[in-house]
Amino acid sequence: MARLSREDRQIALGSLQAGQSQSAIARHFHVSQSTISRLWVRFQATGSVADLPRAGRPRATTAAHDRFIRLRHLRNRFLSASSSVQALPGPHRLSDQTVRNRLHEAGLRARRPHRGAVLTRRHRQNRVQWGNQHLCWTVRNHWRHVWFSDESYFLLQRHDGRRRVYRRVNERYAPNCVDEAPVHGGGGVMVWGAINTAGRSTLVHVQGRITAQRYVEEILRPHALPLLADQDAIFQQDNARPHTARLTTQFLTDHHVQVLPWPSMSPDMNPIEHLWDELDRRVRRREEAPANHRDLLQALQEEWDTIPQQDIRHLIQSMPRRCRAVVAAQGSHTPY
């Protein structure tokens, strides 16, 4: 029988007693229908869904141990298996792997966590309010008029732990198997861009620290204003200090630019963030990696121009779903 936890067996049994079909229950728990059938037969024969006594190594944990491990890791998802071994009450001789096995039985497996912005209570409230205000916006009547903008920093060499090397045993420190990483990634370049369902801006190289004065004179005036000539155009920017400075807001007001209010700490609501990821992947896929900052900037500009407009359009068409997602999450993190 495929391994179902005690809780899953009880749920499956209750569903069977309620008249639900075995095939539907099997699909819900991702097991075969014969597994559910044998579970039902065992319950009718023994009155229980617990495992029958079997030969082999006795179970190292008691039911109390299993409950302690499960609840401890449900309360704090970032605890390690070794910390639970040390925290278990009473005398025992459990290994870290035994704790992992009990967590696997409870449906808990170690995964790389999603990294999101730090959201306070006020951030969540503002995100929900913003989502509710734009739930009725459609791509046809609203979002297609918005120019989404942002800055992004690209490293010359990126070491995020995802890269893999194919090597033999004892080749861990072989010169051709070591991923040599310079300090701070070897530096990088910052760029600014804007996207719309009908087009995109040029990719602007931002050198040094950006201030409100530089943001107005080097980005808004020469690059953003020409995109916002249409009277229906709406400009989106996040709440970085150069964007919300008095000089910037006064400049946008003087030029009659309609600015889309934006909740703080909400990169998941901006579709251009996904475009930055795609741009980075395109540069990394090049056969000849950029050797210096000039090569990196040239590669970014070339790949930026070759991204299909249809991909940008699809990203902006996700805005209604993003609004629904942030409202459903009550302002917390979303899958976007």
Protein backbone atom coordinates (compact mmCIF):
# COMPACT_ATOMS: atom_id res chain seq x y z
CA MET A 1 0.00 0.00 0.00
CA ALA A 2 1.27 3.47 -0.81
CA ARG A 3 2.24 5.32 2.34
CA LEU A 4 -0.52 7.55 3.65
CA SER A 5 -0.11 9.36 6.93
CA ARG A 6 -2.43 8.52 9.81
CA GLU A 7 -4.27 11.80 9.28
CA ASP A 8 -4.71 11.13 5.54
CA ARG A 9 -6.06 7.64 6.26
CA GLN A 10 -8.64 9.03 8.65
CA ILE A 11 -9.67 11.67 6.12
CA ALA A 12 -9.93 9.07 3.35
CA LEU A 13 -12.00 6.79 5.62
CA GLY A 14 -14.36 9.63 6.48
CA SER A 15 -14.78 10.43 2.80
CA LEU A 16 -15.59 6.80 2.04
CA GLN A 17 -18.16 6.67 4.82
CA ALA A 18 -19.68 9.89 3.47
CA GLY A 19 -20.27 8.18 0.12
CA GLN A 20 -17.46 9.66 -1.94
CA SER A 21 -16.10 7.42 -4.68
CA GLN A 22 -12.79 5.61 -4.27
CA SER A 23 -11.47 7.03 -7.55
CA ALA A 24 -12.10 10.64 -6.42
CA ILE A 25 -10.36 10.02 -3.09
CA ALA A 26 -7.42 8.40 -4.86
CA ARG A 27 -7.04 11.40 -7.15
CA HIS A 28 -7.15 13.75 -4.17
CA PHE A 29 -4.32 11.96 -2.35
CA HIS A 30 -2.37 11.13 -5.55
CA VAL A 31 -2.46 7.37 -4.92
CA SER A 32 -3.88 4.43 -6.84
CA GLN A 33 -7.50 3.41 -6.46
CA SER A 34 -6.38 -0.01 -5.24
CA THR A 35 -4.67 1.71 -2.28
CA ILE A 36 -7.98 3.23 -1.18
CA SER A 37 -9.74 -0.08 -1.83
CA ARG A 38 -7.31 -2.00 0.40
CA LEU A 39 -7.71 0.67 3.07
CA TRP A 40 -11.47 0.16 3.06
CA VAL A 41 -11.12 -3.63 3.15
CA ARG A 42 -8.73 -3.41 6.12
CA PHE A 43 -11.12 -1.14 8.01
CA GLN A 44 -14.04 -3.51 7.43
CA ALA A 45 -11.97 -6.49 8.60
CA THR A 46 -10.19 -4.96 11.60
CA GLY A 47 -12.11 -1.79 12.42
CA SER A 48 -8.89 0.21 12.11
CA VAL A 49 -6.73 1.78 9.43
CA ALA A 50 -3.48 1.47 11.40
CA ASP A 51 -0.60 -0.54 9.98
CA LEU A 52 -0.66 -4.24 10.81
CA PRO A 53 2.23 -5.67 12.81
CA ARG A 54 5.09 -6.54 10.50
CA ALA A 55 8.54 -8.02 10.74
CA GLY A 56 11.60 -5.83 10.58
CA ARG A 57 13.27 -3.11 12.56
CA PRO A 58 11.00 -1.69 15.28
CA ARG A 59 9.91 1.92 14.92
CA ALA A 60 12.36 4.22 16.72
CA THR A 61 9.76 6.85 17.65
CA THR A 62 6.55 6.70 19.60
CA ALA A 63 3.30 8.38 18.62
CA ALA A 64 4.14 11.17 21.08
CA HIS A 65 7.52 11.67 19.41
CA ASP A 66 5.90 11.84 15.99
CA ARG A 67 3.37 14.41 17.18
CA PHE A 68 6.09 16.50 18.85
CA ILE A 69 8.23 16.53 15.69
CA ARG A 70 5.31 17.37 13.42
CA LEU A 71 3.93 20.19 15.58
CA ARG A 72 7.37 21.67 16.24
CA HIS A 73 8.12 22.02 12.55
CA LEU A 74 4.64 23.26 11.71
CA ARG A 75 5.07 26.07 14.22
CA ASN A 76 8.49 27.04 12.87
CA ARG A 77 9.12 25.92 9.29
CA PHE A 78 12.81 26.92 9.34
CA LEU A 79 13.94 24.55 12.12
CA SER A 80 16.52 21.92 11.27
CA ALA A 81 16.14 18.19 11.88
CA SER A 82 19.16 18.20 14.22
CA SER A 83 17.55 20.86 16.42
CA SER A 84 14.47 18.66 16.83
CA VAL A 85 16.66 15.70 17.82
CA GLN A 86 18.16 17.79 20.60
CA ALA A 87 14.77 19.17 21.68
CA LEU A 88 12.99 15.80 21.93
CA PRO A 89 12.02 15.12 25.57
CA GLY A 90 13.10 11.99 27.39
CA PRO A 91 15.91 9.53 26.61
CA HIS A 92 16.19 8.54 22.97
CA ARG A 93 18.71 7.62 20.29
CA LEU A 94 17.21 9.23 17.20
CA SER A 95 19.18 10.37 14.19
CA ASP A 96 18.57 13.44 12.05
CA GLN A 97 17.39 11.17 9.23
CA THR A 98 14.73 9.62 11.47
CA VAL A 99 13.30 13.09 12.12
CA ARG A 100 13.33 13.79 8.37
CA ASN A 101 11.50 10.51 7.75
CA ARG A 102 8.78 11.46 10.24
CA LEU A 103 8.44 14.85 8.59
CA HIS A 104 8.14 13.18 5.18
CA GLU A 105 5.34 11.02 6.54
CA ALA A 106 3.56 14.21 7.61
CA GLY A 107 3.95 15.68 4.11
CA LEU A 108 6.72 18.10 5.10
CA ARG A 109 9.84 18.20 2.92
CA ALA A 110 12.78 20.59 2.88
CA ARG A 111 12.49 23.06 0.01
CA ARG A 112 14.27 26.24 -1.01
CA PRO A 113 12.13 29.06 0.50
CA HIS A 114 10.66 31.85 -1.55
CA ARG A 115 12.41 35.15 -0.91
CA GLY A 116 10.04 38.05 -0.49
CA ALA A 117 10.08 41.60 0.79
CA VAL A 118 9.58 42.27 4.50
CA LEU A 119 5.88 43.10 4.88
CA THR A 120 4.60 44.89 7.95
CA ARG A 121 0.95 45.07 8.94
CA ARG A 122 0.63 48.49 7.29
CA HIS A 123 2.22 47.17 4.09
CA ARG A 124 -0.33 44.35 3.95
CA GLN A 125 -3.22 46.73 4.56
CA ASN A 126 -2.03 49.07 1.79
CA ARG A 127 -1.56 46.17 -0.62
CA VAL A 128 -5.07 44.86 0.01
CA GLN A 129 -6.52 48.35 -0.38
CA TRP A 130 -4.65 48.85 -3.65
CA GLY A 131 -5.78 45.46 -4.94
CA ASN A 132 -9.41 46.17 -4.13
CA GLN A 133 -9.22 49.57 -5.83
CA HIS A 134 -7.97 47.98 -9.06
CA LEU A 135 -10.01 44.77 -9.13
CA CYS A 136 -12.33 46.27 -11.71
CA TRP A 137 -9.51 47.39 -14.00
CA THR A 138 -9.32 45.54 -17.31
CA VAL A 139 -6.46 45.23 -19.75
CA ARG A 140 -8.55 46.67 -22.58
CA ASN A 141 -9.68 49.81 -20.76
CA HIS A 142 -6.99 50.45 -18.16
CA TRP A 143 -3.81 48.40 -17.95
CA ARG A 144 -2.90 48.83 -21.62
CA HIS A 145 -2.43 52.55 -20.94
CA VAL A 146 0.07 51.98 -18.09
CA TRP A 147 3.81 52.28 -18.58
CA PHE A 148 5.49 50.09 -15.95
CA SER A 149 9.01 51.28 -15.05
CA ASP A 150 11.78 50.15 -12.76
CA GLU A 151 15.54 50.01 -12.22
CA SER A 152 17.47 46.76 -11.90
CA TYR A 153 21.06 45.85 -11.08
CA PHE A 154 22.76 43.08 -13.07
CA LEU A 155 25.92 41.40 -11.81
CA LEU A 156 28.79 40.61 -14.12
CA GLN A 157 29.05 37.16 -12.53
CA ARG A 158 26.12 35.67 -10.69
CA HIS A 159 26.55 32.91 -8.10
CA ASP A 160 23.12 32.03 -6.69
CA GLY A 161 23.76 28.34 -5.93
CA ARG A 162 21.68 27.07 -8.85
CA ARG A 163 24.57 26.35 -11.17
CA ARG A 164 25.62 22.68 -11.33
CA VAL A 165 28.83 20.93 -12.38
CA TYR A 166 29.14 17.37 -13.70
CA ARG A 167 32.11 15.72 -12.03
CA ARG A 168 33.39 12.33 -10.94
CA VAL A 169 34.05 11.15 -7.40
CA ASN A 170 36.96 13.01 -5.72
CA GLU A 171 36.86 15.80 -8.33
CA ARG A 172 35.32 18.38 -6.03
CA TYR A 173 38.45 20.54 -6.00
CA ALA A 174 39.61 19.87 -9.55
CA PRO A 175 40.41 23.19 -11.31
CA ASN A 176 37.83 22.57 -14.04
CA CYS A 177 35.11 21.80 -11.45
CA VAL A 178 35.51 24.83 -9.18
CA ASP A 179 33.19 27.78 -9.74
CA GLU A 180 35.53 30.69 -9.00
CA ALA A 181 33.61 33.68 -7.67
CA PRO A 182 35.12 37.18 -7.41
CA VAL A 183 34.25 39.32 -4.40
CA HIS A 184 30.80 40.98 -4.71
CA GLY A 185 30.17 39.25 -8.04
CA GLY A 186 32.73 41.32 -9.91
CA GLY A 187 30.49 44.39 -9.91
CA GLY A 188 27.66 45.09 -12.31
CA VAL A 189 25.55 47.68 -14.07
CA MET A 190 22.23 49.33 -13.22
CA VAL A 191 19.67 49.97 -15.93
CA TRP A 192 16.24 51.61 -16.16
CA GLY A 193 13.46 50.54 -18.47
CA ALA A 194 9.72 50.85 -19.03
CA ILE A 195 7.21 48.56 -20.75
CA ASN A 196 3.72 48.83 -22.17
CA THR A 197 1.44 46.55 -24.14
CA ALA A 198 2.34 48.51 -27.27
CA GLY A 199 6.08 48.91 -26.80
CA ARG A 200 9.06 49.47 -24.56
CA SER A 201 11.56 52.19 -23.74
CA THR A 202 15.24 52.11 -24.51
CA LEU A 203 17.34 50.47 -21.82
CA VAL A 204 19.03 53.33 -19.97
CA HIS A 205 22.37 52.83 -18.23
CA VAL A 206 22.32 54.42 -14.75
CA GLN A 207 25.82 55.20 -13.55
CA GLY A 208 26.57 55.79 -9.90
CA ARG A 209 24.09 56.72 -7.21
CA ILE A 210 20.73 57.88 -8.53
CA THR A 211 19.27 61.06 -7.01
CA ALA A 212 16.03 62.89 -7.65
CA GLN A 213 17.84 65.47 -9.79
CA ARG A 214 19.53 62.80 -11.90
CA TYR A 215 16.31 60.79 -12.10
CA VAL A 216 14.49 63.78 -13.58
CA GLU A 217 17.23 64.99 -15.91
CA GLU A 218 18.65 61.65 -17.09
CA ILE A 219 15.57 59.40 -17.13
CA LEU A 220 12.22 61.17 -16.90
CA ARG A 221 12.85 64.13 -19.19
CA PRO A 222 14.69 62.40 -22.08
CA HIS A 223 13.18 58.90 -21.91
CA ALA A 224 9.90 58.77 -19.97
CA LEU A 225 8.15 61.94 -21.17
CA PRO A 226 8.18 60.95 -24.87
CA LEU A 227 6.44 57.69 -23.93
CA LEU A 228 3.74 59.57 -21.99
CA ALA A 229 2.70 61.94 -24.80
CA ASP A 230 -0.67 60.19 -25.09
CA GLN A 231 -3.22 61.89 -22.84
CA ASP A 232 -4.47 58.48 -21.63
CA ALA A 233 -0.97 57.31 -20.64
CA ILE A 234 -0.37 56.38 -17.00
CA PHE A 235 3.09 56.21 -15.47
CA GLN A 236 3.98 53.59 -12.87
CA GLN A 237 7.01 53.74 -10.59
CA ASP A 238 7.77 52.28 -7.19
CA ASN A 239 8.28 54.24 -3.98
CA ALA A 240 12.07 54.58 -4.08
CA ARG A 241 13.23 57.90 -2.64
CA PRO A 242 14.25 59.48 -5.96
CA HIS A 243 10.77 58.62 -7.30
CA THR A 244 8.83 60.19 -4.44
CA ALA A 245 11.05 63.24 -3.84
CA ARG A 246 9.41 66.65 -4.07
CA LEU A 247 11.48 67.53 -7.12
CA THR A 248 10.25 64.43 -8.97
CA THR A 249 6.60 64.81 -8.04
CA GLN A 250 6.66 68.50 -8.99
CA PHE A 251 8.21 67.68 -12.36
CA LEU A 252 5.54 65.07 -13.11
CA THR A 253 2.78 67.45 -12.02
CA ASP A 254 4.12 70.30 -14.16
CA HIS A 255 4.10 68.03 -17.22
CA HIS A 256 0.59 66.69 -16.45
CA VAL A 257 1.75 63.10 -16.07
CA GLN A 258 -0.83 60.81 -14.54
CA VAL A 259 0.98 58.61 -11.98
CA LEU A 260 -0.40 55.28 -10.82
CA PRO A 261 -0.42 55.08 -6.98
CA TRP A 262 1.72 52.18 -5.92
CA PRO A 263 1.82 50.23 -2.61
CA SER A 264 5.20 49.98 -0.89
CA MET A 265 7.14 46.69 -0.89
CA SER A 266 5.19 45.32 -3.86
CA PRO A 267 7.61 44.14 -6.55
CA ASP A 268 5.33 41.14 -7.14
CA MET A 269 2.68 43.50 -8.51
CA ASN A 270 5.01 44.94 -11.17
CA PRO A 271 5.22 42.78 -14.33
CA ILE A 272 8.55 44.32 -15.32
CA GLU A 273 10.21 42.35 -12.49
CA HIS A 274 9.60 39.14 -14.46
CA LEU A 275 11.07 40.81 -17.52
CA TRP A 276 14.27 41.56 -15.60
CA ASP A 277 14.54 37.84 -14.76
CA GLU A 278 14.02 36.91 -18.40
CA LEU A 279 16.62 39.47 -19.48
CA ASP A 280 19.15 38.05 -17.02
CA ARG A 281 18.51 34.48 -18.22
CA ARG A 282 18.98 35.53 -21.83
CA VAL A 283 22.35 37.09 -21.03
CA ARG A 284 23.44 33.99 -19.05
CA ARG A 285 22.48 31.71 -21.95
CA ARG A 286 24.91 33.42 -24.30
CA GLU A 287 27.71 31.16 -25.47
CA GLU A 288 30.28 33.89 -24.78
CA ALA A 289 29.77 35.37 -21.33
CA PRO A 290 30.37 39.13 -20.88
CA ALA A 291 33.96 39.74 -19.81
CA ASN A 292 33.57 43.27 -18.44
CA HIS A 293 30.97 45.90 -17.63
CA ARG A 294 30.91 47.27 -21.17
CA ASP A 295 30.23 43.79 -22.61
CA LEU A 296 27.52 43.21 -19.99
CA LEU A 297 25.76 46.49 -20.84
CA GLN A 298 25.93 45.75 -24.57
CA ALA A 299 24.55 42.25 -24.04
CA LEU A 300 21.70 43.61 -21.90
CA GLN A 301 20.76 46.19 -24.52
CA GLU A 302 20.86 43.63 -27.34
CA GLU A 303 18.75 41.09 -25.46
CA TRP A 304 16.32 43.81 -24.31
CA ASP A 305 15.61 44.71 -27.93
CA THR A 306 15.08 41.08 -28.97
CA ILE A 307 12.51 40.14 -26.29
CA PRO A 308 9.24 39.55 -28.19
CA GLN A 309 6.59 42.18 -27.57
CA GLN A 310 4.09 39.36 -27.15
CA ASP A 311 5.94 38.26 -23.99
CA ILE A 312 5.62 41.78 -22.55
CA ARG A 313 1.95 41.86 -23.48
CA HIS A 314 1.36 38.55 -21.67
CA LEU A 315 3.01 39.90 -18.53
CA ILE A 316 0.82 43.00 -18.45
CA GLN A 317 -2.27 40.89 -19.13
CA SER A 318 -1.59 39.20 -15.78
CA MET A 319 -2.40 42.39 -13.84
CA PRO A 320 -6.05 41.44 -13.10
CA ARG A 321 -4.82 38.10 -11.72
CA ARG A 322 -2.19 39.85 -9.61
CA CYS A 323 -4.83 42.11 -8.06
CA ARG A 324 -7.04 39.15 -7.23
CA ALA A 325 -4.05 37.26 -5.79
CA VAL A 326 -2.97 40.03 -3.43
CA VAL A 327 -6.55 40.45 -2.17
CA ALA A 328 -6.92 36.69 -1.68
CA ALA A 329 -3.59 36.62 0.21
CA GLN A 330 -4.80 39.49 2.43
CA GLY A 331 -1.82 41.58 1.38
CA SER A 332 0.76 38.88 2.00
CA HIS A 333 3.13 37.39 -0.58
CA THR A 334 1.73 36.17 -3.89
CA PRO A 335 3.03 33.63 -6.45
CA TYR A 336 3.99 36.48 -8.81
